[in-house]
All heavy atoms as atom14 arrays in JSON, in Angstrom:
{
  "sequence": "VLRNQGNKIFGMMTHTCPIDYLPTEMFMSTKQN",
  "atom14_mask": [
    [1, 1, 1, 1, 1, 1, 1, 0, 0, 0, 0, 0, 0, 0],
    [1, 1, 1, 1, 1, 1, 1, 1, 0, 0, 0, 0, 0, 0],
    [1, 1, 1, 1, 1, 1, 1, 1, 1, 1, 1, 0, 0, 0],
    [1, 1, 1, 1, 1, 1, 1, 1, 0, 0, 0, 0, 0, 0],
    [1, 1, 1, 1, 1, 1, 1, 1, 1, 0, 0, 0, 0, 0],
    [1, 1, 1, 1, 0, 0, 0, 0, 0, 0, 0, 0, 0, 0],
    [1, 1, 1, 1, 1, 1, 1, 1, 0, 0, 0, 0, 0, 0],
    [1, 1, 1, 1, 1, 1, 1, 1, 1, 0, 0, 0, 0, 0],
    [1, 1, 1, 1, 1, 1, 1, 1, 0, 0, 0, 0, 0, 0],
    [1, 1, 1, 1, 1, 1, 1, 1, 1, 1, 1, 0, 0, 0],
    [1, 1, 1, 1, 0, 0, 0, 0, 0, 0, 0, 0, 0, 0],
    [1, 1, 1, 1, 1, 1, 1, 1, 0, 0, 0, 0, 0, 0],
    [1, 1, 1, 1, 1, 1, 1, 1, 0, 0, 0, 0, 0, 0],
    [1, 1, 1, 1, 1, 1, 1, 0, 0, 0, 0, 0, 0, 0],
    [1, 1, 1, 1, 1, 1, 1, 1, 1, 1, 0, 0, 0, 0],
    [1, 1, 1, 1, 1, 1, 1, 0, 0, 0, 0, 0, 0, 0],
    [1, 1, 1, 1, 1, 1, 0, 0, 0, 0, 0, 0, 0, 0],
    [1, 1, 1, 1, 1, 1, 1, 0, 0, 0, 0, 0, 0, 0],
    [1, 1, 1, 1, 1, 1, 1, 1, 0, 0, 0, 0, 0, 0],
    [1, 1, 1, 1, 1, 1, 1, 1, 0, 0, 0, 0, 0, 0],
    [1, 1, 1, 1, 1, 1, 1, 1, 1, 1, 1, 1, 0, 0],
    [1, 1, 1, 1, 1, 1, 1, 1, 0, 0, 0, 0, 0, 0],
    [1, 1, 1, 1, 1, 1, 1, 0, 0, 0, 0, 0, 0, 0],
    [1, 1, 1, 1, 1, 1, 1, 0, 0, 0, 0, 0, 0, 0],
    [1, 1, 1, 1, 1, 1, 1, 1, 1, 0, 0, 0, 0, 0],
    [1, 1, 1, 1, 1, 1, 1, 1, 0, 0, 0, 0, 0, 0],
    [1, 1, 1, 1, 1, 1, 1, 1, 1, 1, 1, 0, 0, 0],
    [1, 1, 1, 1, 1, 1, 1, 1, 0, 0, 0, 0, 0, 0],
    [1, 1, 1, 1, 1, 1, 0, 0, 0, 0, 0, 0, 0, 0],
    [1, 1, 1, 1, 1, 1, 1, 0, 0, 0, 0, 0, 0, 0],
    [1, 1, 1, 1, 1, 1, 1, 1, 1, 0, 0, 0, 0, 0],
    [1, 1, 1, 1, 1, 1, 1, 1, 1, 0, 0, 0, 0, 0],
    [1, 1, 1, 1, 1, 1, 1, 1, 0, 0, 0, 0, 0, 0]
  ],
  "atom14_positions": [
    [[-2.02, 13.54, -12.17], [-2.64, 12.65, -13.15], [-3.95, 12.08, -12.6], [-4.96, 12.0, -13.31], [-1.67, 11.51, -13.54], [-2.38, 10.47, -14.41], [-0.46, 12.07, -14.28], [0.0, 0.0, 0.0], [0.0, 0.0, 0.0], [0.0, 0.0, 0.0], [0.0, 0.0, 0.0], [0.0, 0.0, 0.0], [0.0, 0.0, 0.0], [0.0, 0.0, 0.0]],
    [[-3.95, 11.69, -11.32], [-5.17, 11.15, -10.73], [-6.26, 12.22, -10.63], [-7.45, 11.91, -10.83], [-4.87, 10.56, -9.35], [-4.1, 9.23, -9.35], [-3.76, 8.82, -7.92], [-4.88, 8.13, -10.06], [0.0, 0.0, 0.0], [0.0, 0.0, 0.0], [0.0, 0.0, 0.0], [0.0, 0.0, 0.0], [0.0, 0.0, 0.0], [0.0, 0.0, 0.0]],
    [[-5.88, 13.45, -10.34], [-6.87, 14.53, -10.3], [-7.52, 14.7, -11.67], [-8.74, 14.92, -11.78], [-6.22, 15.85, -9.87], [-6.07, 16.02, -8.37], [-5.85, 17.47, -7.99], [-4.71, 18.06, -8.69], [-3.46, 18.03, -8.24], [-3.2, 17.42, -7.08], [-2.49, 18.59, -8.92], [0.0, 0.0, 0.0], [0.0, 0.0, 0.0], [0.0, 0.0, 0.0]],
    [[-6.69, 14.59, -12.73], [-7.23, 14.71, -14.08], [-8.18, 13.57, -14.43], [-8.97, 13.68, -15.38], [-6.09, 14.76, -15.1], [-5.44, 16.13, -15.17], [-5.94, 17.1, -14.6], [-4.31, 16.22, -15.85], [0.0, 0.0, 0.0], [0.0, 0.0, 0.0], [0.0, 0.0, 0.0], [0.0, 0.0, 0.0], [0.0, 0.0, 0.0], [0.0, 0.0, 0.0]],
    [[-8.07, 12.46, -13.69], [-8.99, 11.33, -13.87], [-10.2, 11.45, -12.94], [-11.0, 10.52, -12.84], [-8.26, 10.01, -13.59], [-7.11, 9.71, -14.52], [-7.55, 9.36, -15.92], [-8.52, 8.62, -16.1], [-6.86, 9.88, -16.93], [0.0, 0.0, 0.0], [0.0, 0.0, 0.0], [0.0, 0.0, 0.0], [0.0, 0.0, 0.0], [0.0, 0.0, 0.0]],
    [[-10.31, 12.59, -12.25], [-11.39, 12.77, -11.29], [-11.21, 11.92, -10.05], [-12.18, 11.57, -9.38], [0.0, 0.0, 0.0], [0.0, 0.0, 0.0], [0.0, 0.0, 0.0], [0.0, 0.0, 0.0], [0.0, 0.0, 0.0], [0.0, 0.0, 0.0], [0.0, 0.0, 0.0], [0.0, 0.0, 0.0], [0.0, 0.0, 0.0], [0.0, 0.0, 0.0]],
    [[-9.92, 11.58, -9.74], [-9.6, 10.67, -8.62], [-10.41, 9.38, -8.71], [-10.87, 8.83, -7.7], [-9.83, 11.36, -7.27], [-8.69, 12.29, -6.92], [-7.52, 11.98, -7.17], [-9.01, 13.43, -6.33], [0.0, 0.0, 0.0], [0.0, 0.0, 0.0], [0.0, 0.0, 0.0], [0.0, 0.0, 0.0], [0.0, 0.0, 0.0], [0.0, 0.0, 0.0]],
    [[-10.54, 8.9, -9.94], [-11.23, 7.63, -10.18], [-10.45, 6.84, -11.2], [-10.11, 7.34, -12.27], [-12.65, 7.88, -10.7], [-13.46, 6.62, -10.93], [-14.88, 6.95, -11.37], [-15.7, 5.69, -11.57], [-17.1, 5.98, -11.97], [0.0, 0.0, 0.0], [0.0, 0.0, 0.0], [0.0, 0.0, 0.0], [0.0, 0.0, 0.0], [0.0, 0.0, 0.0]],
    [[-10.14, 5.6, -10.87], [-9.38, 4.74, -11.78], [-9.71, 3.28, -11.45], [-10.07, 2.96, -10.3], [-7.86, 5.0, -11.65], [-7.11, 4.43, -12.85], [-7.31, 4.47, -10.32], [-5.71, 4.98, -13.0], [0.0, 0.0, 0.0], [0.0, 0.0, 0.0], [0.0, 0.0, 0.0], [0.0, 0.0, 0.0], [0.0, 0.0, 0.0], [0.0, 0.0, 0.0]],
    [[-9.6, 2.41, -12.43], [-9.93, 1.01, -12.15], [-8.97, 0.41, -11.12], [-9.41, -0.24, -10.18], [-9.9, 0.17, -13.43], [-10.27, -1.26, -13.18], [-11.6, -1.65, -13.08], [-9.29, -2.23, -13.0], [-11.95, -2.97, -12.81], [-9.63, -3.56, -12.73], [-10.96, -3.92, -12.64], [0.0, 0.0, 0.0], [0.0, 0.0, 0.0], [0.0, 0.0, 0.0]],
    [[-7.66, 0.6, -11.32], [-6.73, -0.06, -10.41], [-5.45, 0.72, -10.15], [-5.04, 1.56, -10.95], [0.0, 0.0, 0.0], [0.0, 0.0, 0.0], [0.0, 0.0, 0.0], [0.0, 0.0, 0.0], [0.0, 0.0, 0.0], [0.0, 0.0, 0.0], [0.0, 0.0, 0.0], [0.0, 0.0, 0.0], [0.0, 0.0, 0.0], [0.0, 0.0, 0.0]],
    [[-4.83, 0.41, -9.03], [-3.51, 0.93, -8.67], [-2.53, -0.24, -8.63], [-2.87, -1.34, -8.17], [-3.55, 1.6, -7.3], [-4.37, 2.87, -7.23], [-3.59, 4.27, -8.1], [-2.15, 4.59, -7.06], [0.0, 0.0, 0.0], [0.0, 0.0, 0.0], [0.0, 0.0, 0.0], [0.0, 0.0, 0.0], [0.0, 0.0, 0.0], [0.0, 0.0, 0.0]],
    [[-1.32, 0.0, -9.11], [-0.23, -0.96, -8.99], [0.94, -0.23, -8.33], [1.48, 0.72, -8.9], [0.19, -1.49, -10.36], [-0.84, -2.36, -11.03], [-0.28, -2.94, -12.65], [-1.69, -3.93, -13.16], [0.0, 0.0, 0.0], [0.0, 0.0, 0.0], [0.0, 0.0, 0.0], [0.0, 0.0, 0.0], [0.0, 0.0, 0.0], [0.0, 0.0, 0.0]],
    [[1.29, -0.65, -7.13], [2.37, -0.01, -6.39], [3.3, -1.09, -5.83], [2.92, -2.25, -5.73], [1.81, 0.85, -5.24], [1.05, 0.02, -4.34], [0.91, 1.96, -5.78], [0.0, 0.0, 0.0], [0.0, 0.0, 0.0], [0.0, 0.0, 0.0], [0.0, 0.0, 0.0], [0.0, 0.0, 0.0], [0.0, 0.0, 0.0], [0.0, 0.0, 0.0]],
    [[4.52, -0.67, -5.48], [5.42, -1.65, -4.87], [5.03, -1.89, -3.42], [4.83, -3.03, -3.01], [6.86, -1.19, -4.97], [7.84, -2.2, -4.43], [7.84, -3.52, -4.84], [8.84, -2.09, -3.5], [8.79, -4.18, -4.2], [9.39, -3.35, -3.37], [0.0, 0.0, 0.0], [0.0, 0.0, 0.0], [0.0, 0.0, 0.0], [0.0, 0.0, 0.0]],
    [[4.91, -0.84, -2.65], [4.47, -0.97, -1.27], [2.97, -0.67, -1.19], [2.33, -0.42, -2.21], [5.28, -0.05, -0.34], [4.94, -0.33, 1.02], [5.04, 1.41, -0.63], [0.0, 0.0, 0.0], [0.0, 0.0, 0.0], [0.0, 0.0, 0.0], [0.0, 0.0, 0.0], [0.0, 0.0, 0.0], [0.0, 0.0, 0.0], [0.0, 0.0, 0.0]],
    [[2.42, -0.7, 0.03], [0.97, -0.59, 0.19], [0.59, 0.67, 0.97], [1.44, 1.29, 1.63], [0.43, -1.82, 0.91], [0.95, -1.93, 2.65], [0.0, 0.0, 0.0], [0.0, 0.0, 0.0], [0.0, 0.0, 0.0], [0.0, 0.0, 0.0], [0.0, 0.0, 0.0], [0.0, 0.0, 0.0], [0.0, 0.0, 0.0], [0.0, 0.0, 0.0]],
    [[-0.68, 1.06, 0.96], [-1.13, 2.16, 1.82], [-0.93, 1.83, 3.29], [-0.99, 0.66, 3.69], [-2.62, 2.29, 1.47], [-2.75, 1.67, 0.11], [-1.75, 0.56, 0.09], [0.0, 0.0, 0.0], [0.0, 0.0, 0.0], [0.0, 0.0, 0.0], [0.0, 0.0, 0.0], [0.0, 0.0, 0.0], [0.0, 0.0, 0.0], [0.0, 0.0, 0.0]],
    [[-0.72, 2.84, 4.09], [-0.29, 2.67, 5.49], [-1.24, 1.81, 6.31], [-0.79, 1.04, 7.17], [-0.12, 4.07, 6.16], [0.5, 3.93, 7.54], [-1.44, 4.82, 6.18], [1.95, 3.51, 7.54], [0.0, 0.0, 0.0], [0.0, 0.0, 0.0], [0.0, 0.0, 0.0], [0.0, 0.0, 0.0], [0.0, 0.0, 0.0], [0.0, 0.0, 0.0]],
    [[-2.54, 1.88, 6.06], [-3.49, 1.14, 6.89], [-3.49, -0.37, 6.61], [-4.17, -1.12, 7.32], [-4.91, 1.68, 6.68], [-5.1, 3.07, 7.26], [-4.28, 3.47, 8.12], [-6.04, 3.76, 6.84], [0.0, 0.0, 0.0], [0.0, 0.0, 0.0], [0.0, 0.0, 0.0], [0.0, 0.0, 0.0], [0.0, 0.0, 0.0], [0.0, 0.0, 0.0]],
    [[-2.74, -0.8, 5.61], [-2.77, -2.21, 5.23], [-1.43, -2.92, 5.43], [-1.2, -3.98, 4.87], [-3.22, -2.33, 3.76], [-4.64, -1.85, 3.55], [-4.89, -0.51, 3.25], [-5.72, -2.71, 3.68], [-6.19, -0.06, 3.07], [-7.02, -2.27, 3.51], [-7.24, -0.94, 3.21], [-8.55, -0.49, 3.04], [0.0, 0.0, 0.0], [0.0, 0.0, 0.0]],
    [[-0.58, -2.34, 6.23], [0.73, -2.95, 6.47], [0.58, -4.35, 7.06], [-0.08, -4.53, 8.08], [1.57, -2.09, 7.42], [2.03, -0.73, 6.9], [2.69, 0.06, 8.03], [3.01, -0.9, 5.74], [0.0, 0.0, 0.0], [0.0, 0.0, 0.0], [0.0, 0.0, 0.0], [0.0, 0.0, 0.0], [0.0, 0.0, 0.0], [0.0, 0.0, 0.0]],
    [[1.2, -5.37, 6.45], [1.15, -6.73, 7.02], [2.22, -6.88, 8.1], [3.29, -7.44, 7.86], [1.42, -7.61, 5.8], [2.32, -6.77, 4.95], [1.92, -5.35, 5.16], [0.0, 0.0, 0.0], [0.0, 0.0, 0.0], [0.0, 0.0, 0.0], [0.0, 0.0, 0.0], [0.0, 0.0, 0.0], [0.0, 0.0, 0.0], [0.0, 0.0, 0.0]],
    [[1.94, -6.41, 9.28], [2.96, -6.35, 10.34], [3.51, -7.73, 10.69], [4.63, -7.83, 11.21], [2.37, -5.7, 11.6], [1.18, -6.42, 12.0], [1.99, -4.25, 11.33], [0.0, 0.0, 0.0], [0.0, 0.0, 0.0], [0.0, 0.0, 0.0], [0.0, 0.0, 0.0], [0.0, 0.0, 0.0], [0.0, 0.0, 0.0], [0.0, 0.0, 0.0]],
    [[2.76, -8.79, 10.4], [3.26, -10.13, 10.7], [4.47, -10.5, 9.87], [5.2, -11.44, 10.2], [2.15, -11.17, 10.51], [1.76, -11.44, 9.07], [0.7, -10.5, 8.51], [0.54, -9.4, 9.08], [0.06, -10.86, 7.51], [0.0, 0.0, 0.0], [0.0, 0.0, 0.0], [0.0, 0.0, 0.0], [0.0, 0.0, 0.0], [0.0, 0.0, 0.0]],
    [[4.71, -9.74, 8.8], [5.83, -10.04, 7.91], [7.07, -9.17, 8.2], [8.1, -9.35, 7.55], [5.42, -9.84, 6.45], [4.32, -10.76, 5.98], [4.75, -12.51, 6.19], [6.15, -12.65, 5.08], [0.0, 0.0, 0.0], [0.0, 0.0, 0.0], [0.0, 0.0, 0.0], [0.0, 0.0, 0.0], [0.0, 0.0, 0.0], [0.0, 0.0, 0.0]],
    [[6.97, -8.26, 9.14], [8.09, -7.38, 9.42], [9.26, -8.16, 10.0], [9.07, -9.06, 10.84], [7.69, -6.27, 10.39], [6.76, -5.25, 9.8], [6.3, -4.19, 10.56], [6.34, -5.34, 8.48], [5.45, -3.24, 10.02], [5.48, -4.4, 7.93], [5.04, -3.34, 8.71], [0.0, 0.0, 0.0], [0.0, 0.0, 0.0], [0.0, 0.0, 0.0]],
    [[10.47, -7.81, 9.6], [11.66, -8.48, 10.09], [11.79, -8.33, 11.6], [12.18, -9.25, 12.31], [12.91, -7.93, 9.39], [12.95, -8.23, 7.9], [14.3, -7.41, 7.04], [15.72, -8.3, 7.7], [0.0, 0.0, 0.0], [0.0, 0.0, 0.0], [0.0, 0.0, 0.0], [0.0, 0.0, 0.0], [0.0, 0.0, 0.0], [0.0, 0.0, 0.0]],
    [[11.45, -7.15, 12.11], [11.55, -6.91, 13.56], [10.53, -7.75, 14.31], [10.79, -8.24, 15.42], [11.32, -5.42, 13.87], [10.1, -4.97, 13.31], [0.0, 0.0, 0.0], [0.0, 0.0, 0.0], [0.0, 0.0, 0.0], [0.0, 0.0, 0.0], [0.0, 0.0, 0.0], [0.0, 0.0, 0.0], [0.0, 0.0, 0.0], [0.0, 0.0, 0.0]],
    [[9.34, -7.96, 13.73], [8.32, -8.79, 14.37], [8.78, -10.23, 14.47], [8.65, -10.88, 15.52], [7.0, -8.73, 13.56], [6.54, -7.38, 13.51], [5.94, -9.6, 14.2], [0.0, 0.0, 0.0], [0.0, 0.0, 0.0], [0.0, 0.0, 0.0], [0.0, 0.0, 0.0], [0.0, 0.0, 0.0], [0.0, 0.0, 0.0], [0.0, 0.0, 0.0]],
    [[9.35, -10.74, 13.37], [9.86, -12.12, 13.39], [11.0, -12.27, 14.38], [11.12, -13.28, 15.08], [10.33, -12.5, 11.98], [9.2, -12.61, 10.97], [9.72, -13.01, 9.61], [8.6, -13.19, 8.62], [9.08, -13.6, 7.28], [0.0, 0.0, 0.0], [0.0, 0.0, 0.0], [0.0, 0.0, 0.0], [0.0, 0.0, 0.0], [0.0, 0.0, 0.0]],
    [[11.85, -11.25, 14.46], [12.99, -11.3, 15.38], [12.51, -11.32, 16.82], [13.03, -12.06, 17.66], [13.88, -10.08, 15.14], [15.11, -10.04, 16.04], [16.05, -8.9, 15.65], [16.95, -9.09, 14.87], [15.78, -7.72, 16.17], [0.0, 0.0, 0.0], [0.0, 0.0, 0.0], [0.0, 0.0, 0.0], [0.0, 0.0, 0.0], [0.0, 0.0, 0.0]],
    [[11.49, -10.51, 17.13], [10.95, -10.47, 18.49], [10.34, -11.81, 18.89], [10.43, -12.23, 20.06], [9.91, -9.36, 18.62], [10.54, -7.98, 18.57], [11.72, -7.82, 18.88], [9.76, -6.98, 18.19], [0.0, 0.0, 0.0], [0.0, 0.0, 0.0], [0.0, 0.0, 0.0], [0.0, 0.0, 0.0], [0.0, 0.0, 0.0], [0.0, 0.0, 0.0]]
  ]
}
């Protein structure tokens, strides 16, 4: 579908985020450490 849009769209809505934007400060393992 995105290819048919020319890989151009106003916005994305996703549950999780792209890998480079992980908020590591919120990870359960980080808080536990």
